[in-house]
C-alpha atoms as a PDB file:
ATOM      1  CA  MET A   1     129.697 109.098  63.422  1.00  0.00           C
ATOM      2  CA  ASP A   2     128.723 106.454  60.936  1.00  0.00           C
ATOM      3  CA  LEU A   3     124.944 106.065  60.855  1.00  0.00           C
ATOM      4  CA  SER A   4     124.856 104.217  57.544  1.00  0.00           C
ATOM      5  CA  LYS A   5     123.120 101.232  59.156  1.00  0.00           C
ATOM      6  CA  GLN A   6     120.310 103.397  60.512  1.00  0.00           C
ATOM      7  CA  VAL A   7     116.887 103.757  58.908  1.00  0.00           C
ATOM      8  CA  ALA A   8     115.046 106.692  60.416  1.00  0.00           C
ATOM      9  CA  ILE A   9     111.619 108.288  60.365  1.00  0.00           C
ATOM     10  CA  VAL A  10     111.521 111.958  61.342  1.00  0.00           C
ATOM     11  CA  THR A  11     108.071 113.451  61.856  1.00  0.00           C
ATOM     12  CA  GLY A  12     107.611 117.157  61.274  1.00  0.00           C
ATOM     13  CA  GLY A  13     110.570 116.908  58.904  1.00  0.00           C
ATOM     14  CA  GLY A  14     109.393 119.617  56.547  1.00  0.00           C
ATOM     15  CA  ARG A  15     110.803 122.593  58.423  1.00  0.00           C
ATOM     16  CA  GLY A  16     112.404 123.888  61.607  1.00  0.00           C
ATOM     17  CA  ILE A  17     113.799 121.424  64.113  1.00  0.00           C
ATOM     18  CA  GLY A  18     112.616 118.352  62.221  1.00  0.00           C
ATOM     19  CA  ARG A  19     114.319 119.487  59.040  1.00  0.00           C
ATOM     20  CA  GLN A  20     117.649 120.010  60.811  1.00  0.00           C
ATOM     21  CA  ILE A  21     117.388 116.623  62.530  1.00  0.00           C
ATOM     22  CA  ALA A  22     116.719 114.898  59.203  1.00  0.00           C
ATOM     23  CA  LEU A  23     119.606 116.680  57.483  1.00  0.00           C
ATOM     24  CA  SER A  24     121.997 115.878  60.320  1.00  0.00           C
ATOM     25  CA  LEU A  25     121.086 112.187  60.214  1.00  0.00           C
ATOM     26  CA  ALA A  26     121.491 112.111  56.436  1.00  0.00           C
ATOM     27  CA  ASP A  27     124.858 113.884  56.710  1.00  0.00           C
ATOM     28  CA  HIS A  28     126.049 111.018  58.899  1.00  0.00           C
ATOM     29  CA  GLY A  29     124.897 108.391  56.427  1.00  0.00           C
ATOM     30  CA  ALA A  30     121.474 107.433  57.748  1.00  0.00           C
ATOM     31  CA  ARG A  31     118.608 106.740  55.392  1.00  0.00           C
ATOM     32  CA  VAL A  32     115.819 109.052  56.436  1.00  0.00           C
ATOM     33  CA  ALA A  33     112.103 109.304  55.740  1.00  0.00           C
ATOM     34  CA  VAL A  34     110.733 112.776  56.407  1.00  0.00           C
ATOM     35  CA  VAL A  35     107.069 112.853  57.360  1.00  0.00           C
ATOM     36  CA  ALA A  36     104.615 115.761  57.494  1.00  0.00           C
ATOM     37  CA  ARG A  37     101.353 116.734  55.861  1.00  0.00           C
ATOM     38  CA  THR A  38     102.840 119.219  53.374  1.00  0.00           C
ATOM     39  CA  ARG A  39     104.709 117.585  50.478  1.00  0.00           C
ATOM     40  CA  ASP A  40     106.322 120.804  49.238  1.00  0.00           C
ATOM     41  CA  GLU A  41     108.063 121.374  52.563  1.00  0.00           C
ATOM     42  CA  LEU A  42     109.280 117.780  52.644  1.00  0.00           C
ATOM     43  CA  GLU A  43     110.617 118.091  49.100  1.00  0.00           C
ATOM     44  CA  ALA A  44     112.501 121.224  50.152  1.00  0.00           C
ATOM     45  CA  THR A  45     114.108 119.305  53.027  1.00  0.00           C
ATOM     46  CA  ALA A  46     115.121 116.515  50.671  1.00  0.00           C
ATOM     47  CA  GLU A  47     116.719 118.958  48.225  1.00  0.00           C
ATOM     48  CA  LEU A  48     118.691 120.576  51.059  1.00  0.00           C
ATOM     49  CA  ALA A  49     120.287 117.187  51.691  1.00  0.00           C
ATOM     50  CA  GLY A  50     122.387 117.816  48.566  1.00  0.00           C
ATOM     51  CA  ILE A  51     124.646 114.866  47.817  1.00  0.00           C
ATOM     52  CA  ASN A  52     122.648 112.832  50.336  1.00  0.00           C
ATOM     53  CA  ARG A  53     119.371 113.398  48.477  1.00  0.00           C
ATOM     54  CA  SER A  54     119.054 109.709  47.580  1.00  0.00           C
ATOM     55  CA  ASN A  55     119.073 108.879  51.296  1.00  0.00           C
ATOM     56  CA  VAL A  56     115.997 110.998  51.978  1.00  0.00           C
ATOM     57  CA  LEU A  57     112.495 109.654  51.309  1.00  0.00           C
ATOM     58  CA  VAL A  58     109.604 112.099  51.129  1.00  0.00           C
ATOM     59  CA  ALA A  59     106.572 110.563  52.851  1.00  0.00           C
ATOM     60  CA  PRO A  60     103.571 112.884  53.301  1.00  0.00           C
ATOM     61  CA  ALA A  61     101.217 111.630  56.011  1.00  0.00           C
ATOM     62  CA  ASP A  62      99.033 112.633  58.926  1.00  0.00           C
ATOM     63  CA  MET A  63     100.683 111.226  62.036  1.00  0.00           C
ATOM     64  CA  THR A  64      97.378 111.234  63.941  1.00  0.00           C
ATOM     65  CA  GLU A  65      95.910 108.649  61.555  1.00  0.00           C
ATOM     66  CA  GLU A  66      96.978 105.060  62.207  1.00  0.00           C
ATOM     67  CA  ALA A  67      96.415 103.896  58.637  1.00  0.00           C
ATOM     68  CA  SER A  68      98.469 106.772  57.251  1.00  0.00           C
ATOM     69  CA  VAL A  69     101.378 106.073  59.600  1.00  0.00           C
ATOM     70  CA  ALA A  70     101.226 102.324  58.892  1.00  0.00           C
ATOM     71  CA  GLU A  71     101.457 103.091  55.185  1.00  0.00           C
ATOM     72  CA  VAL A  72     104.567 105.219  55.749  1.00  0.00           C
ATOM     73  CA  VAL A  73     106.255 102.494  57.799  1.00  0.00           C
ATOM     74  CA  ALA A  74     105.525  99.952  55.072  1.00  0.00           C
ATOM     75  CA  GLN A  75     106.859 102.349  52.430  1.00  0.00           C
ATOM     76  CA  VAL A  76     110.062 102.945  54.386  1.00  0.00           C
ATOM     77  CA  ASN A  77     110.542  99.229  54.959  1.00  0.00           C
ATOM     78  CA  ALA A  78     110.235  98.559  51.230  1.00  0.00           C
ATOM     79  CA  HIS A  79     112.490 101.465  50.245  1.00  0.00           C
ATOM     80  CA  PHE A  80     115.209 101.424  52.922  1.00  0.00           C
ATOM     81  CA  GLY A  81     114.574  98.433  55.184  1.00  0.00           C
ATOM     82  CA  PRO A  82     113.266  98.078  58.766  1.00  0.00           C
ATOM     83  CA  VAL A  83     113.007 101.285  60.780  1.00  0.00           C
ATOM     84  CA  SER A  84     115.681 101.445  63.493  1.00  0.00           C
ATOM     85  CA  LEU A  85     115.163 105.063  64.581  1.00  0.00           C
ATOM     86  CA  LEU A  86     111.983 107.051  65.162  1.00  0.00           C
ATOM     87  CA  VAL A  87     112.202 110.777  65.894  1.00  0.00           C
ATOM     88  CA  ASN A  88     108.901 112.133  67.192  1.00  0.00           C
ATOM     89  CA  ASN A  89     109.228 115.822  66.418  1.00  0.00           C
ATOM     90  CA  ALA A  90     105.936 116.965  64.872  1.00  0.00           C
ATOM     91  CA  ALA A  91     103.898 119.163  67.189  1.00  0.00           C
ATOM     92  CA  THR A  92     101.487 122.048  67.275  1.00  0.00           C
ATOM     93  CA  TYR A  93     101.188 125.060  69.557  1.00  0.00           C
ATOM     94  CA  THR A  94      98.275 127.440  70.123  1.00  0.00           C
ATOM     95  CA  ALA A  95      99.469 130.995  70.714  1.00  0.00           C
ATOM     96  CA  GLY A  96      97.423 133.117  73.101  1.00  0.00           C
ATOM     97  CA  GLU A  97      95.562 130.162  74.553  1.00  0.00           C
ATOM     98  CA  PRO A  98      93.119 131.293  77.286  1.00  0.00           C
ATOM     99  CA  PRO A  99      93.300 129.879  80.835  1.00  0.00           C
ATOM    100  CA  PHE A 100      92.317 126.226  80.981  1.00  0.00           C
ATOM    101  CA  TRP A 101      89.002 126.963  82.705  1.00  0.00           C
ATOM    102  CA  GLU A 102      88.039 129.316  79.876  1.00  0.00           C
ATOM    103  CA  ALA A 103      89.411 127.320  76.953  1.00  0.00           C
ATOM    104  CA  ASP A 104      87.347 125.408  74.432  1.00  0.00           C
ATOM    105  CA  LEU A 105      87.998 121.845  75.583  1.00  0.00           C
ATOM    106  CA  ASP A 106      87.692 120.328  72.110  1.00  0.00           C
ATOM    107  CA  ALA A 107      90.283 122.745  70.704  1.00  0.00           C
ATOM    108  CA  TRP A 108      92.494 122.232  73.762  1.00  0.00           C
ATOM    109  CA  TRP A 109      92.348 118.472  73.358  1.00  0.00           C
ATOM    110  CA  ARG A 110      93.071 118.664  69.650  1.00  0.00           C
ATOM    111  CA  THR A 111      96.530 119.996  70.511  1.00  0.00           C
ATOM    112  CA  VAL A 112      97.025 117.123  72.951  1.00  0.00           C
ATOM    113  CA  ASP A 113      95.818 114.687  70.290  1.00  0.00           C
ATOM    114  CA  ILE A 114      98.491 115.851  67.850  1.00  0.00           C
ATOM    115  CA  ASN A 115     101.294 116.222  70.385  1.00  0.00           C
ATOM    116  CA  VAL A 116     100.696 112.999  72.348  1.00  0.00           C
ATOM    117  CA  ARG A 117      98.506 110.608  70.392  1.00  0.00           C
ATOM    118  CA  GLY A 118     100.524 111.255  67.237  1.00  0.00           C
ATOM    119  CA  PRO A 119     103.795 110.039  68.796  1.00  0.00           C
ATOM    120  CA  LEU A 120     101.943 107.113  70.388  1.00  0.00           C
ATOM    121  CA  ILE A 121     100.678 106.010  66.985  1.00  0.00           C
ATOM    122  CA  CYS A 122     104.157 106.293  65.493  1.00  0.00           C
ATOM    123  CA  MET A 123     105.706 104.343  68.365  1.00  0.00           C
ATOM    124  CA  ARG A 124     103.195 101.518  68.050  1.00  0.00           C
ATOM    125  CA  ALA A 125     103.800 101.370  64.313  1.00  0.00           C
ATOM    126  CA  VAL A 126     107.567 100.832  64.595  1.00  0.00           C
ATOM    127  CA  LEU A 127     107.946  98.987  67.901  1.00  0.00           C
ATOM    128  CA  PRO A 128     106.932  95.469  66.773  1.00  0.00           C
ATOM    129  CA  THR A 129     109.726  95.405  64.195  1.00  0.00           C
ATOM    130  CA  MET A 130     112.243  97.039  66.547  1.00  0.00           C
ATOM    131  CA  VAL A 131     111.500  94.471  69.250  1.00  0.00           C
ATOM    132  CA  ALA A 132     111.680  91.610  66.757  1.00  0.00           C
ATOM    133  CA  GLU A 133     115.017  92.937  65.447  1.00  0.00           C
ATOM    134  CA  GLY A 134     116.332  93.427  68.975  1.00  0.00           C
ATOM    135  CA  ARG A 135     117.411  96.999  68.320  1.00  0.00           C
ATOM    136  CA  GLY A 136     116.014 100.465  67.843  1.00  0.00           C
ATOM    137  CA  ARG A 137     115.785 103.949  69.311  1.00  0.00           C
ATOM    138  CA  ILE A 138     112.862 106.269  69.822  1.00  0.00           C
ATOM    139  CA  ILE A 139     113.763 109.917  70.352  1.00  0.00           C
ATOM    140  CA  THR A 140     110.940 112.283  71.252  1.00  0.00           C
ATOM    141  CA  VAL A 141     111.243 116.051  71.130  1.00  0.00           C
ATOM    142  CA  SER A 142     109.693 117.489  74.273  1.00  0.00           C
ATOM    143  CA  SER A 143     110.039 120.900  75.919  1.00  0.00           C
ATOM    144  CA  ASP A 144     111.109 122.475  79.185  1.00  0.00           C
ATOM    145  CA  SER A 145     107.532 123.732  79.466  1.00  0.00           C
ATOM    146  CA  GLY A 146     106.641 120.121  80.192  1.00  0.00           C
ATOM    147  CA  VAL A 147     108.999 119.750  83.152  1.00  0.00           C
ATOM    148  CA  LEU A 148     109.182 123.246  84.658  1.00  0.00           C
ATOM    149  CA  PRO A 149     106.324 124.893  86.619  1.00  0.00           C
ATOM    150  CA  PHE A 150     104.758 126.826  83.757  1.00  0.00           C
ATOM    151  CA  PRO A 151     101.041 127.669  83.767  1.00  0.00           C
ATOM    152  CA  VAL A 152      99.144 124.744  82.269  1.00  0.00           C
ATOM    153  CA  THR A 153      98.437 124.855  78.553  1.00  0.00           C
ATOM    154  CA  SER A 154      97.523 122.147  76.093  1.00  0.00           C
ATOM    155  CA  TYR A 155     101.121 122.298  74.863  1.00  0.00           C
ATOM    156  CA  SER A 156     102.817 122.003  78.270  1.00  0.00           C
ATOM    157  CA  PHE A 157     100.392 119.238  79.280  1.00  0.00           C
ATOM    158  CA  GLY A 158     101.268 117.228  76.193  1.00  0.00           C
ATOM    159  CA  LYS A 159     105.003 117.771  76.466  1.00  0.00           C
ATOM    160  CA  SER A 160     104.948 116.674  80.102  1.00  0.00           C
ATOM    161  CA  ALA A 161     103.157 113.489  79.076  1.00  0.00           C
ATOM    162  CA  LEU A 162     105.855 112.776  76.483  1.00  0.00           C
ATOM    163  CA  VAL A 163     108.658 113.013  79.054  1.00  0.00           C
ATOM    164  CA  ARG A 164     106.889 110.559  81.342  1.00  0.00           C
ATOM    165  CA  LEU A 165     105.966 108.299  78.433  1.00  0.00           C
ATOM    166  CA  THR A 166     109.603 108.158  77.336  1.00  0.00           C
ATOM    167  CA  GLU A 167     110.714 107.078  80.791  1.00  0.00           C
ATOM    168  CA  THR A 168     108.008 104.493  81.466  1.00  0.00           C
ATOM    169  CA  LEU A 169     108.092 103.025  77.969  1.00  0.00           C
ATOM    170  CA  GLY A 170     111.853 102.768  78.325  1.00  0.00           C
ATOM    171  CA  ILE A 171     111.425 100.840  81.567  1.00  0.00           C
ATOM    172  CA  SER A 172     108.947  98.487  79.871  1.00  0.00           C
ATOM    173  CA  LEU A 173     111.281  97.861  76.947  1.00  0.00           C
ATOM    174  CA  ASP A 174     114.332  97.421  79.154  1.00  0.00           C
ATOM    175  CA  SER A 175     112.502  95.062  81.511  1.00  0.00           C
ATOM    176  CA  ALA A 176     111.630  92.868  78.561  1.00  0.00           C
ATOM    177  CA  ALA A 177     115.270  93.022  77.347  1.00  0.00           C
ATOM    178  CA  THR A 178     114.225  94.205  73.900  1.00  0.00           C
ATOM    179  CA  GLY A 179     117.331  96.203  73.003  1.00  0.00           C
ATOM    180  CA  VAL A 180     115.147  99.219  72.173  1.00  0.00           C
ATOM    181  CA  ARG A 181     116.043 102.535  73.800  1.00  0.00           C
ATOM    182  CA  THR A 182     113.975 105.675  74.387  1.00  0.00           C
ATOM    183  CA  PHE A 183     115.046 109.279  74.895  1.00  0.00           C
ATOM    184  CA  ALA A 184     113.235 112.587  75.366  1.00  0.00           C
ATOM    185  CA  ILE A 185     115.089 115.744  74.391  1.00  0.00           C
ATOM    186  CA  SER A 186     114.818 119.461  74.965  1.00  0.00           C
ATOM    187  CA  PRO A 187     115.693 121.467  71.842  1.00  0.00           C
ATOM    188  CA  GLY A 188     115.899 124.746  73.743  1.00  0.00           C
ATOM    189  CA  THR A 189     113.950 127.754  72.460  1.00  0.00           C
ATOM    190  CA  VAL A 190     114.256 127.557  68.688  1.00  0.00           C
ATOM    191  CA  GLN A 191     112.953 130.246  66.348  1.00  0.00           C
ATOM    192  CA  THR A 192     110.485 128.421  64.109  1.00  0.00           C
ATOM    193  CA  ARG A 193     106.999 128.979  62.766  1.00  0.00           C
ATOM    194  CA  LEU A 194     105.749 127.400  65.977  1.00  0.00           C
ATOM    195  CA  THR A 195     107.374 130.112  68.100  1.00  0.00           C
ATOM    196  CA  GLU A 196     106.599 133.158  65.962  1.00  0.00           C
ATOM    197  CA  SER A 197     104.497 134.657  68.763  1.00  0.00           C
ATOM    198  CA  PHE A 198     107.519 134.488  71.088  1.00  0.00           C
ATOM    199  CA  ALA A 199     109.607 136.669  68.771  1.00  0.00           C
ATOM    200  CA  ALA A 200     107.150 139.550  69.040  1.00  0.00           C
ATOM    201  CA  LYS A 201     106.573 139.122  72.762  1.00  0.00           C
ATOM    202  CA  TYR A 202     110.247 138.659  73.685  1.00  0.00           C
ATOM    203  CA  PRO A 203     112.323 140.691  71.192  1.00  0.00           C
ATOM    204  CA  ASP A 204     115.549 140.089  73.155  1.00  0.00           C
ATOM    205  CA  MET A 205     115.084 136.315  73.233  1.00  0.00           C
ATOM    206  CA  GLU A 206     118.282 134.300  72.824  1.00  0.00           C
ATOM    207  CA  TRP A 207     117.351 131.597  70.361  1.00  0.00           C
ATOM    208  CA  THR A 208     118.816 128.098  70.322  1.00  0.00           C
ATOM    209  CA  PRO A 209     120.016 127.013  66.866  1.00  0.00           C
ATOM    210  CA  ALA A 210     117.923 124.200  65.397  1.00  0.00           C
ATOM    211  CA  GLU A 211     121.184 122.572  64.310  1.00  0.00           C
ATOM    212  CA  ASP A 212     121.877 121.781  67.992  1.00  0.00           C
ATOM    213  CA  SER A 213     118.935 119.363  67.956  1.00  0.00           C
ATOM    214  CA  GLY A 214     120.323 117.721  64.849  1.00  0.00           C
ATOM    215  CA  ARG A 215     123.658 117.139  66.541  1.00  0.00           C
ATOM    216  CA  LEU A 216     122.029 115.762  69.693  1.00  0.00           C
ATOM    217  CA  VAL A 217     119.792 113.330  67.804  1.00  0.00           C
ATOM    218  CA  ALA A 218     122.684 112.115  65.646  1.00  0.00           C
ATOM    219  CA  ALA A 219     124.752 111.521  68.789  1.00  0.00           C
ATOM    220  CA  LEU A 220     121.955 109.537  70.444  1.00  0.00           C
ATOM    221  CA  ALA A 221     121.361 107.583  67.222  1.00  0.00           C
ATOM    222  CA  SER A 222     124.988 106.459  67.244  1.00  0.00           C
ATOM    223  CA  GLY A 223     124.380 104.252  70.294  1.00  0.00           C
ATOM    224  CA  ARG A 224     127.271 105.749  72.238  1.00  0.00           C
ATOM    225  CA  TYR A 225     124.891 107.151  74.841  1.00  0.00           C
ATOM    226  CA  ASP A 226     122.453 104.262  75.188  1.00  0.00           C
ATOM    227  CA  ALA A 227     123.254 104.031  78.903  1.00  0.00           C
ATOM    228  CA  LEU A 228     121.372 107.331  79.316  1.00  0.00           C
ATOM    229  CA  HIS A 229     118.180 105.896  77.860  1.00  0.00           C
ATOM    230  CA  GLY A 230     114.831 106.807  79.379  1.00  0.00           C
ATOM    231  CA  ARG A 231     116.104 110.229  80.368  1.00  0.00           C
ATOM    232  CA  TYR A 232     115.252 113.803  79.405  1.00  0.00           C
ATOM    233  CA  LEU A 233     118.337 115.268  77.759  1.00  0.00           C
ATOM    234  CA  SER A 234     118.959 118.809  76.592  1.00  0.00           C
ATOM    235  CA  VAL A 235     120.940 120.212  73.686  1.00  0.00           C
ATOM    236  CA  GLU A 236     122.867 122.017  76.442  1.00  0.00           C
ATOM    237  CA  ASP A 237     123.928 118.773  78.159  1.00  0.00           C
ATOM    238  CA  ASP A 238     127.462 117.438  77.874  1.00  0.00           C
ATOM    239  CA  LEU A 239     126.657 113.800  77.137  1.00  0.00           C
ATOM    240  CA  ASP A 240     130.228 112.617  77.633  1.00  0.00           C
ATOM    241  CA  TRP A 241     130.309 114.283  81.061  1.00  0.00           C
ATOM    242  CA  LEU A 242     127.084 112.483  81.969  1.00  0.00           C
ATOM    243  CA  LEU A 243     128.436 109.194  80.670  1.00  0.00           C
ATOM    244  CA  ASP A 244     131.620 109.573  82.730  1.00  0.00           C
ATOM    245  CA  ARG A 245     129.409 110.016  85.808  1.00  0.00           C
ATOM    246  CA  LEU A 246     126.905 107.323  84.926  1.00  0.00           C
ATOM    247  CA  ASP A 247     126.888 105.795  88.411  1.00  0.00           C
ATOM    248  CA  GLU A 248     125.973 109.166  89.887  1.00  0.00           C
ATOM    249  CA  VAL A 249     123.342 109.790  87.219  1.00  0.00           C
ATOM    250  CA  GLN A 250     121.723 106.430  87.937  1.00  0.00           C
ATOM    251  CA  ASN A 251     122.095 106.390  91.728  1.00  0.00           C
ATOM    252  CA  GLU A 252     120.849 109.954  92.130  1.00  0.00           C
ATOM    253  CA  GLU A 253     118.130 109.341  89.526  1.00  0.00           C
ATOM    254  CA  LEU A 254     119.064 112.424  87.555  1.00  0.00           C
ATOM    255  CA  LEU A 255     117.159 113.622  84.480  1.00  0.00           C
ATOM    256  CA  VAL A 256     114.103 111.519  85.321  1.00  0.00           C
ATOM    257  CA  THR A 257     110.846 112.231  87.127  1.00  0.00           C
ATOM    258  CA  ARG A 258     110.591 110.864  90.666  1.00  0.00           C
ATOM    259  CA  MET A 259     108.477 111.399  93.764  1.00  0.00           C
ATOM    260  CA  ARG A 260     110.296 111.508  97.091  1.00  0.00           C
ATOM    261  CA  ALA A 261     109.088 111.935 100.661  1.00  0.00           C
ATOM    262  CA  TYR A 262     111.443 113.381 103.247  1.00  0.00           C
ATOM    263  CA  GLY A 263     111.527 112.545 106.946  1.00  0.00           C
ATOM    264  CA  PRO A 264     113.242 114.227 109.899  1.00  0.00           C
ATOM    265  CA  GLY A 265     116.569 115.781 109.013  1.00  0.00           C
ATOM    266  CA  GLY A 266     115.810 115.567 105.303  1.00  0.00           C
ATOM    267  CA  ALA A 267     116.328 111.825 104.999  1.00  0.00           C
ATOM    268  CA  ILE A 268     114.561 110.225 102.058  1.00  0.00           C
ATOM    269  CA  VAL A 269     111.994 107.790 103.410  1.00  0.00           C
ATOM    270  CA  THR A 270     110.189 106.998 100.154  1.00  0.00           C
ATOM    271  CA  ASN A 271     111.485 106.768  96.634  1.00  0.00           C
ATOM    272  CA  TRP A 272     108.804 105.650  94.238  1.00  0.00           C
ATOM    273  CA  GLU A 273     109.864 103.956  91.049  1.00  0.00           C
END
């Protein structure tokens, strides 16, 4: 894949999944700005890019602050050119969170603020230019906890919102014929600082390599799979298989959220868009 025409911002690019996504994009020729609050971690990511170090811009920022994100976008535009790819990866997770009815609502909402409002701010910062340019992709890292029937937590609540946001924003962009595509992805269960509590609780856990997310994002960035836009895709998915069965994917409304009502004999009587 040749991504040399891509200018990307990767949030949470200082470690874990975000680091591997940034390195994968840089390996394929993209110019990448890595964003997080900790400069040292971002510098480490940039150094790991090796011969591609000049294609990685270190941009410390707080993604929940509009002014900070706007400054990063302006910096990237001046350094590399207009942003054509946004990867919303940065997130937080509260281990051992009490049941919702016992949780401190301010602390609970702080997680939602980072995991949902942060991506919203980043999207709004890059979308005007993407729409004006008539091209762009927004890839948001979600989680199966947001689509499967897990007990509600601030994390699962936020990740569910991101899946729905990806789909509905994609419909809005497509309806306006902007040329901008959106994707939500599942990275699997990756062993990172965010999931340290899982390692102790589930010692036999089979971890998903973070590199799988890097490969998936690079593939989506290539444009080959734009027909799958607006959908929730996993690192386990065979994208070429899905593309070969695109009519089925679209007609059966696979990998999207839908509400259906069933009448006698199981016939679908309502299919809400």
